[in-house]
């Protein structure tokens, strides 16, 4: 279990808090069936092998699978109504004059009707409720043996938590036990143990939700009857910072929101990041700018795959994936160079935007889009291969090959490719 725990710990800390779902993460039944069939086929053709996992290998496989997923989503987003990148001339892409304070994405229909922009100013961000407990001596023993409990109330529910102490626990161990108890309950409260410069520790609780609805005074509160002394000693019975709503102006009119992410007219998805100096202007990018941005996004996605392969090649002396992904760029080097996309000696791509724009607006626009679509399709195919079997690129010892013509799928091994739950004893 330790090996599996380390895999999931890396995934959660690296991608769990930052990854977000995309519209391209939703699939039709036929697409899911096709993915399943490709996994089973790979499973049938793959020999039995032993693999020695280490931290570097685990990180590589997770990075590879996540970056392949992102590459597939990016490639899918660069197609409009069955068209290739040329369809982006009809796609509306919103932009903010102050991206550091206001992020925006257009999620409306890409029809020919006119869309107007707007101005948005951020006064303050929505914030979660925060409770920081009392800092206690880390190795002190301020809690006696016994059974203890406290109630955690939210505006809609009430939860009872119980824990037992044998009297030998240090203050930090007690705080850590309660933090794990709350986090495992999955009720929308994050708990962690803080440490100050003197080595003292305190329990901190914060709500995942931000803002307060009308009539609400809190997002959570902790109280206890029989264990009031212990709860008070921990200092978690008081609110340090109450939750606050986002305050902003829309075309000069003041508004509030419970969250820093919301939609306007079901057309614009807005993310508030920081207070603005005045109001940010929200509008649309020119057609050629939209194409250039999309090509830049595609090349950066490709570079992220190269970066993963390069790191694994250097740390584990395994160049297989690096050679495979850079081979995509090398095979198209001449065509890509003609539209302003060039590779350095390590295989990373860069875009000459002025040359790309010249090709997009000139007589060679059709050939330029053909090249860009060919590159997008090549990246998408490579991402498909990687996502089905990322374990194909790690160091392993072949134990037995399948009998040609009489292969069969091993249902438990499928998880190796889909979920990467690898047992070291295999």
Protein backbone atom coordinates (compact mmCIF):
# COMPACT_ATOMS: atom_id res chain seq x y z
CA UNK A 1 0.00 0.00 0.00
CA UNK A 2 2.91 2.36 0.59
CA UNK A 3 3.73 2.40 -3.13
CA UNK A 4 0.14 3.16 -4.08
CA UNK A 5 -0.10 5.84 -1.39
CA UNK A 6 2.93 7.65 -2.78
CA UNK A 7 1.43 7.59 -6.29
CA UNK A 8 -1.84 9.15 -5.16
CA UNK A 9 -0.11 11.63 -2.86
CA UNK A 10 1.94 12.93 -5.80
CA UNK A 11 -1.14 13.09 -8.02
CA UNK A 12 -3.23 14.97 -5.46
CA UNK A 13 -0.53 17.47 -4.49
CA UNK A 14 0.53 18.13 -8.11
CA UNK A 15 -2.74 17.94 -10.05
CA UNK A 16 -5.57 17.54 -7.55
CA UNK A 17 -5.78 21.22 -6.59
CA UNK A 18 -5.04 22.68 -10.01
CA UNK A 19 -6.68 20.46 -12.53
CA UNK A 20 -10.19 21.41 -13.61
CA UNK A 21 -12.71 19.60 -15.75
CA UNK A 22 -13.06 20.58 -19.37
CA UNK A 23 -15.99 20.30 -21.74
CA UNK A 24 -13.77 17.87 -23.65
CA UNK A 25 -13.62 15.53 -20.66
CA UNK A 26 -17.23 14.52 -21.39
CA UNK A 27 -17.55 11.76 -23.98
CA UNK A 28 -20.15 9.89 -25.97
CA UNK A 29 -20.76 6.19 -25.34
CA UNK A 30 -19.08 5.36 -28.65
CA UNK A 31 -15.94 7.27 -27.64
CA UNK A 32 -15.77 5.53 -24.26
CA UNK A 33 -16.29 2.16 -25.95
CA UNK A 34 -13.48 2.91 -28.39
CA UNK A 35 -11.14 3.84 -25.52
CA UNK A 36 -12.04 0.65 -23.69
CA UNK A 37 -11.41 -1.47 -26.78
CA UNK A 38 -8.00 0.14 -27.31
CA UNK A 39 -7.05 -0.54 -23.68
CA UNK A 40 -8.11 -4.19 -23.99
CA UNK A 41 -6.17 -4.59 -27.25
CA UNK A 42 -3.07 -3.12 -25.64
CA UNK A 43 -3.62 -5.43 -22.68
CA UNK A 44 -3.80 -8.50 -24.93
CA UNK A 45 -0.62 -7.66 -26.81
CA UNK A 46 1.47 -6.64 -23.79
CA UNK A 47 3.83 -9.26 -22.32
CA UNK A 48 4.05 -10.06 -18.63
CA UNK A 49 6.74 -7.94 -17.03
CA UNK A 50 8.24 -6.92 -13.73
CA UNK A 51 8.69 -3.27 -12.90
CA UNK A 52 10.71 -1.64 -10.16
CA UNK A 53 8.91 1.54 -9.20
CA UNK A 54 10.69 4.52 -7.73
CA UNK A 55 9.65 8.11 -7.11
CA UNK A 56 10.97 9.29 -10.48
CA UNK A 57 9.11 6.58 -12.41
CA UNK A 58 5.86 7.25 -10.56
CA UNK A 59 6.09 10.98 -11.26
CA UNK A 60 6.92 10.38 -14.93
CA UNK A 61 3.93 8.08 -15.54
CA UNK A 62 1.49 10.45 -13.80
CA UNK A 63 2.92 13.50 -15.58
CA UNK A 64 2.75 11.67 -18.89
CA UNK A 65 -0.88 10.63 -18.46
CA UNK A 66 -2.00 14.10 -17.31
CA UNK A 67 -0.11 15.90 -20.07
CA UNK A 68 -1.46 13.49 -22.66
CA UNK A 69 -4.99 14.18 -21.42
CA UNK A 70 -4.36 17.91 -21.67
CA UNK A 71 -2.92 17.51 -25.18
CA UNK A 72 -6.02 15.63 -26.32
CA UNK A 73 -8.28 18.35 -24.91
CA UNK A 74 -6.24 21.12 -26.56
CA UNK A 75 -6.30 19.31 -29.91
CA UNK A 76 -10.07 18.81 -29.60
CA UNK A 77 -10.59 22.50 -28.82
CA UNK A 78 -8.85 23.51 -32.06
CA UNK A 79 -11.65 22.24 -34.24
CA UNK A 80 -14.90 24.03 -34.97
CA UNK A 81 -17.93 22.16 -36.35
CA UNK A 82 -15.76 19.51 -37.99
CA UNK A 83 -13.38 22.06 -39.47
CA UNK A 84 -9.71 22.33 -38.61
CA UNK A 85 -7.91 25.38 -37.26
CA UNK A 86 -9.41 27.47 -40.06
CA UNK A 87 -12.67 27.21 -38.11
CA UNK A 88 -11.09 29.43 -35.46
CA UNK A 89 -11.80 32.37 -37.76
CA UNK A 90 -15.41 31.88 -36.67
CA UNK A 91 -14.64 31.18 -33.04
CA UNK A 92 -15.09 33.97 -30.52
CA UNK A 93 -12.30 34.17 -27.95
CA UNK A 94 -12.74 36.62 -25.11
CA UNK A 95 -9.86 38.64 -23.71
CA UNK A 96 -9.32 40.86 -20.70
CA UNK A 97 -7.26 44.04 -20.67
CA UNK A 98 -6.04 43.03 -17.19
CA UNK A 99 -5.44 39.27 -17.14
CA UNK A 100 -3.70 39.47 -13.76
CA UNK A 101 -6.91 40.67 -12.13
CA UNK A 102 -9.73 39.34 -14.33
CA UNK A 103 -9.70 36.14 -16.36
CA UNK A 104 -12.43 35.53 -18.92
CA UNK A 105 -13.53 32.75 -21.28
CA UNK A 106 -16.30 32.95 -23.84
CA UNK A 107 -18.65 29.96 -23.49
CA UNK A 108 -21.53 31.18 -25.66
CA UNK A 109 -22.46 30.21 -29.20
CA UNK A 110 -19.95 30.86 -31.98
CA UNK A 111 -22.52 32.21 -34.44
CA UNK A 112 -22.28 35.23 -36.70
CA UNK A 113 -24.32 37.52 -34.44
CA UNK A 114 -22.56 40.48 -32.90
CA UNK A 115 -21.40 40.23 -29.29
CA UNK A 116 -20.56 43.25 -27.20
CA UNK A 117 -17.90 43.48 -24.56
CA UNK A 118 -18.18 45.09 -21.14
CA UNK A 119 -16.10 46.57 -18.34
CA UNK A 120 -15.53 44.90 -14.97
CA UNK A 121 -13.79 46.26 -11.89
CA UNK A 122 -12.80 44.16 -8.87
CA UNK A 123 -13.05 45.78 -5.44
CA UNK A 124 -12.44 42.70 -3.29
CA UNK A 125 -12.31 38.94 -3.71
CA UNK A 126 -14.58 36.35 -2.15
CA UNK A 127 -12.80 34.58 0.68
CA UNK A 128 -13.42 31.43 2.73
CA UNK A 129 -14.06 31.32 6.46
CA UNK A 130 -10.87 30.76 8.46
CA UNK A 131 -10.37 29.51 12.00
CA UNK A 132 -6.82 29.45 13.34
CA UNK A 133 -6.52 27.71 16.68
CA UNK A 134 -4.23 28.43 19.61
CA UNK A 135 -0.52 27.74 19.16
CA UNK A 136 0.53 25.09 21.68
CA UNK A 137 3.90 23.61 22.58
CA UNK A 138 4.57 21.00 19.90
CA UNK A 139 5.86 18.29 22.24
CA UNK A 140 3.72 19.32 25.18
CA UNK A 141 1.03 17.11 26.74
CA UNK A 142 -1.95 19.36 27.40
CA UNK A 143 -4.62 16.71 26.82
CA UNK A 144 -5.55 13.90 29.19
CA UNK A 145 -6.75 10.43 28.28
CA UNK A 146 -10.43 10.01 27.46
CA UNK A 147 -13.15 10.01 24.84
CA UNK A 148 -13.95 13.42 23.38
CA UNK A 149 -16.40 14.87 20.88
CA UNK A 150 -17.42 18.14 19.28
CA UNK A 151 -20.09 19.32 16.85
CA UNK A 152 -19.28 21.05 13.56
CA UNK A 153 -22.31 22.95 12.30
CA UNK A 154 -22.86 24.34 8.81
CA UNK A 155 -25.90 26.36 7.69
CA UNK A 156 -27.52 23.14 6.38
CA UNK A 157 -26.11 20.27 8.45
CA UNK A 158 -24.56 19.32 11.76
CA UNK A 159 -21.78 16.75 12.17
CA UNK A 160 -20.48 15.08 15.31
CA UNK A 161 -16.79 14.14 15.56
CA UNK A 162 -15.46 11.75 18.18
CA UNK A 163 -11.86 10.90 19.03
CA UNK A 164 -10.06 8.98 21.74
CA UNK A 165 -6.79 9.87 23.50
CA UNK A 166 -4.68 7.63 25.73
CA UNK A 167 -2.80 10.54 27.33
CA UNK A 168 0.53 9.82 25.65
CA UNK A 169 -0.11 12.01 22.57
CA UNK A 170 1.73 15.29 22.15
CA UNK A 171 -0.21 18.43 21.32
CA UNK A 172 0.81 18.16 17.66
CA UNK A 173 -0.33 14.55 17.49
CA UNK A 174 -3.72 15.54 18.90
CA UNK A 175 -4.04 18.36 16.37
CA UNK A 176 -2.98 16.07 13.54
CA UNK A 177 -5.52 13.44 14.60
CA UNK A 178 -8.35 15.97 14.51
CA UNK A 179 -7.17 17.39 11.16
CA UNK A 180 -7.25 13.92 9.58
CA UNK A 181 -10.66 13.27 11.12
CA UNK A 182 -12.11 16.39 9.51
CA UNK A 183 -10.40 15.94 6.12
CA UNK A 184 -11.57 12.35 5.81
CA UNK A 185 -15.17 13.38 6.44
CA UNK A 186 -15.22 15.33 3.14
CA UNK A 187 -17.72 17.94 4.34
CA UNK A 188 -16.14 20.95 2.63
CA UNK A 189 -13.72 21.91 5.39
CA UNK A 190 -9.93 21.76 4.98
CA UNK A 191 -7.86 21.19 8.11
CA UNK A 192 -4.10 21.40 8.58
CA UNK A 193 -1.53 21.88 11.35
CA UNK A 194 0.47 25.12 11.30
CA UNK A 195 3.86 25.70 12.92
CA UNK A 196 5.23 29.06 14.04
CA UNK A 197 8.86 30.15 14.27
CA UNK A 198 9.16 28.87 17.83
CA UNK A 199 8.09 25.32 17.02
CA UNK A 200 4.56 25.71 18.41
CA UNK A 201 1.69 24.26 16.41
CA UNK A 202 -1.96 25.18 15.85
CA UNK A 203 -4.92 23.65 14.06
CA UNK A 204 -6.25 25.68 11.11
CA UNK A 205 -9.67 25.11 9.55
CA UNK A 206 -10.84 26.76 6.34
CA UNK A 207 -14.00 26.35 4.27
CA UNK A 208 -13.80 25.30 0.64
CA UNK A 209 -16.78 27.52 0.00
CA UNK A 210 -16.45 31.30 -0.14
CA UNK A 211 -18.94 34.06 0.59
CA UNK A 212 -22.07 34.26 2.75
CA UNK A 213 -25.59 34.06 1.42
CA UNK A 214 -28.23 36.43 2.73
CA UNK A 215 -29.19 35.45 6.27
CA UNK A 216 -26.04 33.39 6.89
CA UNK A 217 -23.67 34.33 9.71
CA UNK A 218 -21.10 31.58 9.23
CA UNK A 219 -20.07 28.71 6.95
CA UNK A 220 -19.10 26.49 9.88
CA UNK A 221 -18.80 26.69 13.64
CA UNK A 222 -17.51 24.29 16.28
CA UNK A 223 -19.03 23.81 19.71
CA UNK A 224 -19.01 21.15 22.38
CA UNK A 225 -20.62 20.43 25.71
CA UNK A 226 -18.75 17.68 27.51
CA UNK A 227 -15.45 18.37 25.69
CA UNK A 228 -15.64 22.18 25.86
CA UNK A 229 -12.31 22.47 27.73
CA UNK A 230 -10.43 20.51 25.04
CA UNK A 231 -12.06 22.41 22.15
CA UNK A 232 -11.36 25.74 23.86
CA UNK A 233 -7.76 24.73 24.56
CA UNK A 234 -7.32 23.96 20.84
CA UNK A 235 -8.80 27.38 20.08
CA UNK A 236 -11.08 26.16 17.29
CA UNK A 237 -14.31 27.43 18.84
CA UNK A 238 -13.76 30.97 17.50
CA UNK A 239 -13.86 32.34 13.93
CA UNK A 240 -10.62 34.06 12.97
CA UNK A 241 -11.78 35.47 9.62
CA UNK A 242 -15.41 35.25 8.44
CA UNK A 243 -16.19 34.41 4.84
CA UNK A 244 -16.67 37.41 2.54
CA UNK A 245 -18.36 37.95 -0.81
CA UNK A 246 -16.66 39.23 -3.94
CA UNK A 247 -17.43 42.88 -4.68
CA UNK A 248 -17.15 44.12 -8.25
CA UNK A 249 -18.62 46.59 -10.72
CA UNK A 250 -20.11 45.62 -14.06
CA UNK A 251 -20.32 48.53 -16.50
CA UNK A 252 -20.15 50.83 -13.48
CA UNK A 253 -22.91 49.09 -11.48
CA UNK A 254 -21.96 47.48 -8.17
CA UNK A 255 -22.52 43.74 -7.68
CA UNK A 256 -21.56 40.98 -5.24
CA UNK A 257 -20.94 37.25 -5.74
CA UNK A 258 -20.45 34.29 -3.41
CA UNK A 259 -17.54 33.01 -5.49
CA UNK A 260 -14.67 34.43 -7.52
CA UNK A 261 -15.85 32.38 -10.51
CA UNK A 262 -19.20 33.04 -12.14
CA UNK A 263 -20.87 33.47 -15.53
CA UNK A 264 -22.38 36.56 -17.11
CA UNK A 265 -25.43 36.09 -19.38
CA UNK A 266 -24.44 32.43 -19.86
CA UNK A 267 -21.83 33.68 -22.33
CA UNK A 268 -18.76 34.74 -20.33
CA UNK A 269 -17.06 32.69 -17.62
CA UNK A 270 -15.28 35.18 -15.37
CA UNK A 271 -12.55 34.52 -12.79
CA UNK A 272 -11.68 37.29 -10.34
CA UNK A 273 -7.99 37.13 -9.37
CA UNK A 274 -7.09 40.44 -7.71
CA UNK A 275 -8.49 43.97 -7.19
CA UNK A 276 -8.27 46.18 -10.27
CA UNK A 277 -7.20 49.76 -10.69
CA UNK A 278 -10.37 51.04 -12.30
CA UNK A 279 -12.16 48.62 -14.63
CA UNK A 280 -10.80 45.95 -16.94
CA UNK A 281 -12.17 45.94 -20.48
CA UNK A 282 -13.59 42.62 -21.69
CA UNK A 283 -13.80 42.11 -25.44
CA UNK A 284 -12.92 39.69 -28.23
CA UNK A 285 -9.67 38.89 -29.97
CA UNK A 286 -9.24 39.46 -33.67
CA UNK A 287 -9.49 36.34 -35.85
CA UNK A 288 -5.78 36.13 -36.59
CA UNK A 289 -4.97 36.66 -32.90
CA UNK A 290 -7.25 33.76 -32.00
CA UNK A 291 -5.43 31.47 -34.42
CA UNK A 292 -1.99 32.58 -33.20
CA UNK A 293 -3.00 32.02 -29.57
CA UNK A 294 -4.31 28.56 -30.41
CA UNK A 295 -1.12 27.61 -32.24
CA UNK A 296 0.90 28.87 -29.27
CA UNK A 297 -1.23 26.75 -26.95
CA UNK A 298 -0.72 23.69 -29.14
CA UNK A 299 3.06 24.09 -29.31
CA UNK A 300 3.30 24.64 -25.53
CA UNK A 301 1.28 21.46 -24.99
CA UNK A 302 3.68 19.62 -27.29
CA UNK A 303 6.65 21.11 -25.41
CA UNK A 304 5.23 19.88 -22.09
CA UNK A 305 5.34 16.32 -23.44
CA UNK A 306 8.90 16.84 -24.66
CA UNK A 307 9.83 18.22 -21.23
CA UNK A 308 8.49 15.10 -19.49
CA UNK A 309 10.37 12.82 -21.87
CA UNK A 310 13.60 14.79 -21.49
CA UNK A 311 13.46 14.65 -17.68
CA UNK A 312 12.90 10.87 -17.67
CA UNK A 313 15.61 10.31 -20.26
CA UNK A 314 18.14 12.09 -18.08
CA UNK A 315 17.11 10.61 -14.71
CA UNK A 316 16.36 7.02 -15.75
CA UNK A 317 18.47 6.71 -18.92
CA UNK A 318 15.34 5.83 -20.88
CA UNK A 319 14.97 7.92 -24.06
CA UNK A 320 12.05 5.99 -25.59
CA UNK A 321 9.27 8.51 -25.07
CA UNK A 322 11.56 11.49 -25.70
CA UNK A 323 12.62 10.04 -29.06
CA UNK A 324 9.02 9.21 -29.96
CA UNK A 325 7.54 12.64 -29.19
CA UNK A 326 10.39 14.66 -30.70
CA UNK A 327 10.08 12.43 -33.77
CA UNK A 328 6.71 14.08 -34.42
CA UNK A 329 8.39 17.48 -34.70
CA UNK A 330 11.35 16.15 -36.69
CA UNK A 331 9.12 14.42 -39.25
CA UNK A 332 7.33 17.72 -39.93
CA UNK A 333 10.29 20.07 -39.46
CA UNK A 334 10.24 21.40 -43.03
CA UNK A 335 6.50 22.07 -43.15
CA UNK A 336 6.42 23.61 -39.66
CA UNK A 337 9.38 25.87 -40.42
CA UNK A 338 7.59 27.21 -43.50
CA UNK A 339 4.77 28.56 -41.29
CA UNK A 340 7.04 29.98 -38.56
CA UNK A 341 7.33 27.03 -36.13
CA UNK A 342 10.90 25.92 -35.49
CA UNK A 343 12.58 23.46 -33.12
CA UNK A 344 15.73 23.95 -31.08
CA UNK A 345 18.43 21.32 -30.58
CA UNK A 346 16.44 19.70 -27.74
CA UNK A 347 13.25 19.40 -29.78
CA UNK A 348 11.28 22.24 -28.18
CA UNK A 349 9.13 24.27 -30.59
CA UNK A 350 8.81 28.05 -30.77
CA UNK A 351 6.50 30.21 -32.89
CA UNK A 352 7.48 33.24 -34.96
CA UNK A 353 4.14 35.05 -34.66
CA UNK A 354 4.90 37.67 -37.32
CA UNK A 355 5.75 34.99 -39.90
CA UNK A 356 2.71 32.92 -38.90
CA UNK A 357 0.40 35.92 -39.29
CA UNK A 358 1.92 36.68 -42.68
CA UNK A 359 1.20 33.12 -43.83
CA UNK A 360 -2.34 33.21 -42.43
CA UNK A 361 -3.25 36.38 -44.30
CA UNK A 362 -1.38 35.68 -47.53
CA UNK A 363 -2.00 33.49 -50.57
CA UNK A 364 -0.58 30.49 -48.73
CA UNK A 365 -3.28 30.52 -46.02
CA UNK A 366 -4.80 27.22 -47.19
CA UNK A 367 -1.43 25.42 -47.14
CA UNK A 368 -0.67 26.96 -43.74
CA UNK A 369 -3.87 25.60 -42.24
CA UNK A 370 -3.21 22.19 -43.79
CA UNK A 371 0.19 22.10 -42.07
CA UNK A 372 -1.21 23.24 -38.74
CA UNK A 373 -4.04 20.69 -38.91
CA UNK A 374 -1.56 17.93 -39.76
CA UNK A 375 0.53 18.87 -36.73
CA UNK A 376 -2.53 19.03 -34.46
CA UNK A 377 -3.64 15.58 -35.61
CA UNK A 378 -0.16 14.14 -35.04
CA UNK A 379 -0.08 15.49 -31.48
CA UNK A 380 -3.58 14.12 -30.84
CA UNK A 381 -2.62 10.64 -32.10
CA UNK A 382 0.50 10.61 -29.94
CA UNK A 383 -1.55 11.68 -26.90
CA UNK A 384 -4.01 8.84 -27.62
CA UNK A 385 -1.23 6.27 -27.63
CA UNK A 386 0.29 7.60 -24.42
CA UNK A 387 -2.98 7.78 -22.50
CA UNK A 388 -3.88 4.17 -23.30
CA UNK A 389 -0.58 2.73 -22.06
CA UNK A 390 1.79 5.15 -20.29
CA UNK A 391 3.59 2.20 -18.70
CA UNK A 392 4.92 1.36 -22.16
CA UNK A 393 7.68 3.94 -21.70
CA UNK A 394 9.20 2.94 -18.33
CA UNK A 395 12.05 0.55 -17.58
CA UNK A 396 10.80 -3.01 -17.04
CA UNK A 397 11.94 -6.62 -17.20
CA UNK A 398 10.04 -8.82 -19.66
CA UNK A 399 9.09 -12.13 -18.00
CA UNK A 400 6.97 -13.81 -20.66
CA UNK A 401 5.62 -12.91 -24.08
CA UNK A 402 2.05 -13.71 -25.08
CA UNK A 403 1.41 -16.69 -27.33
CA UNK A 404 0.97 -15.20 -30.84
CA UNK A 405 -2.52 -15.74 -32.17
CA UNK A 406 -3.88 -16.97 -28.84
CA UNK A 407 -3.75 -13.83 -26.72
CA UNK A 408 -6.31 -13.05 -24.07
CA UNK A 409 -6.97 -10.07 -21.82
CA UNK A 410 -6.07 -10.12 -18.14
CA UNK A 411 -8.81 -8.04 -16.44
CA UNK A 412 -6.72 -7.07 -13.41
CA UNK A 413 -3.83 -5.83 -15.54
CA UNK A 414 -6.09 -3.32 -17.29
CA UNK A 415 -5.81 -1.07 -14.24
CA UNK A 416 -2.09 -0.82 -14.92
CA UNK A 417 -2.88 1.23 -18.00
CA UNK A 418 -6.05 3.00 -16.89
CA UNK A 419 -5.31 3.74 -13.25
CA UNK A 420 -1.62 2.91 -12.91
CA UNK A 421 -2.19 0.85 -9.76
CA UNK A 422 1.02 -1.15 -10.00
CA UNK A 423 1.94 -3.76 -7.39
CA UNK A 424 5.67 -4.08 -6.87
CA UNK A 425 5.26 -7.84 -6.45
CA UNK A 426 4.19 -8.34 -10.08
